[in-house]
Amino acid sequence: MPFTEEERERIREALKERGVPEICPVCQKGELWVSSYIASIPVWEKYAEKVETAEEFLFPRAALPCAVVVCPNCGNTLLFYLGSLGLWEEFVERREPVRGRR
């Protein structure tokens, strides 16, 4: 489920409160915009404390939900963890999980 315009504005406000620039840090030209969709970064678990091979990792069991911020000029894309922005409960927990095919 995409962010509403109100939610996107809350993300912009949270980023501004934390000192995130509104202009792209790469090209210094584009005004960054907040995407309508949530991205997620997989969090991997492992079988043992000392992991020696890739086979010892488990499939991701959780993910960090992030707001996606994009520069329309150069395409620079930034991810901001909704938990650190204080928006986790407000935006994520009320959404229905997306069910993938197995």
Protein backbone atom coordinates (compact mmCIF):
# COMPACT_ATOMS: atom_id res chain seq x y z
CA MET A 1 0.00 0.00 0.00
CA PRO A 2 1.58 3.32 -1.04
CA PHE A 3 2.08 6.25 1.30
CA THR A 4 -0.65 8.85 1.26
CA GLU A 5 0.28 12.46 0.47
CA GLU A 6 -0.17 13.21 4.19
CA GLU A 7 2.29 10.44 5.09
CA ARG A 8 4.79 11.67 2.52
CA GLU A 9 4.57 15.13 4.09
CA ARG A 10 5.22 13.60 7.54
CA ILE A 11 8.34 11.94 6.13
CA ARG A 12 9.52 15.26 4.64
CA GLU A 13 8.96 16.95 8.02
CA ALA A 14 10.83 14.20 9.91
CA LEU A 15 13.79 14.45 7.52
CA LYS A 16 13.85 18.25 7.78
CA GLU A 17 13.75 18.07 11.60
CA ARG A 18 16.84 15.84 11.46
CA GLY A 19 18.79 18.16 9.18
CA VAL A 20 18.53 16.15 5.95
CA PRO A 21 19.08 18.59 3.04
CA GLU A 22 16.27 19.15 0.56
CA ILE A 23 18.77 19.39 -2.33
CA CYS A 24 20.59 16.29 -3.60
CA PRO A 25 23.97 15.84 -1.87
CA VAL A 26 25.42 14.29 -5.06
CA CYS A 27 24.53 16.68 -7.89
CA GLN A 28 23.53 19.72 -5.79
CA LYS A 29 20.78 20.43 -8.33
CA GLY A 30 17.74 18.23 -7.82
CA GLU A 31 15.19 18.82 -5.09
CA LEU A 32 14.74 15.46 -3.38
CA TRP A 33 11.25 13.93 -3.41
CA VAL A 34 9.72 11.19 -1.29
CA SER A 35 8.50 8.12 -3.18
CA SER A 36 5.02 6.75 -2.53
CA TYR A 37 6.30 3.27 -1.68
CA ILE A 38 8.06 1.61 1.23
CA ALA A 39 11.34 -0.17 0.54
CA SER A 40 12.72 -2.82 2.85
CA ILE A 41 16.21 -3.98 3.68
CA PRO A 42 16.38 -7.69 4.58
CA VAL A 43 17.78 -8.58 7.99
CA TRP A 44 19.69 -11.85 7.86
CA GLU A 45 19.95 -14.38 10.65
CA LYS A 46 22.65 -16.97 11.02
CA TYR A 47 22.87 -20.52 12.33
CA ALA A 48 25.88 -19.99 14.58
CA GLU A 49 27.99 -17.26 16.11
CA LYS A 50 30.90 -18.01 13.78
CA VAL A 51 29.67 -18.09 10.20
CA GLU A 52 32.16 -19.52 7.72
CA THR A 53 30.08 -20.20 4.61
CA ALA A 54 27.14 -18.59 2.87
CA GLU A 55 25.12 -21.76 3.46
CA GLU A 56 25.16 -21.06 7.20
CA PHE A 57 22.97 -17.98 6.75
CA LEU A 58 19.21 -18.28 7.03
CA PHE A 59 16.83 -16.64 4.58
CA PRO A 60 15.87 -13.15 5.77
CA ARG A 61 13.18 -13.38 8.42
CA ALA A 62 12.67 -9.67 8.96
CA ALA A 63 13.21 -6.38 7.19
CA LEU A 64 13.83 -2.73 7.98
CA PRO A 65 11.07 -0.63 6.36
CA CYS A 66 12.43 2.52 4.74
CA ALA A 67 11.20 5.68 3.10
CA VAL A 68 12.68 6.11 -0.40
CA VAL A 69 13.93 9.58 -1.31
CA VAL A 70 14.98 10.24 -4.91
CA CYS A 71 16.74 13.01 -6.84
CA PRO A 72 14.89 13.67 -10.11
CA ASN A 73 18.05 15.13 -11.68
CA CYS A 74 20.74 12.47 -11.15
CA GLY A 75 18.72 9.53 -9.79
CA ASN A 76 20.52 9.38 -6.46
CA THR A 77 18.32 7.24 -4.20
CA LEU A 78 18.40 7.35 -0.40
CA LEU A 79 16.73 5.02 2.10
CA PHE A 80 15.68 6.26 5.54
CA TYR A 81 14.65 3.73 8.19
CA LEU A 82 11.12 4.58 9.37
CA GLY A 83 11.97 3.47 12.93
CA SER A 84 14.70 6.11 13.25
CA LEU A 85 12.33 8.73 11.87
CA GLY A 86 9.81 7.83 14.58
CA LEU A 87 7.26 6.72 11.98
CA TRP A 88 7.41 2.92 12.31
CA GLU A 89 4.19 2.41 14.25
CA GLU A 90 2.32 5.15 12.45
CA PHE A 91 3.07 3.91 8.92
CA VAL A 92 4.00 0.24 9.01
CA GLU A 93 2.13 -1.60 11.71
CA ARG A 94 -1.28 -0.52 10.44
CA ARG A 95 -0.66 -1.90 6.94
CA GLU A 96 -1.59 -5.38 5.79
CA PRO A 97 1.44 -7.54 4.97
CA VAL A 98 1.98 -8.30 1.30
CA ARG A 99 1.79 -12.03 0.67
CA GLY A 100 4.26 -13.34 -1.88
CA ARG A 101 4.00 -16.50 -3.92
CA ARG A 102 5.98 -19.53 -2.85
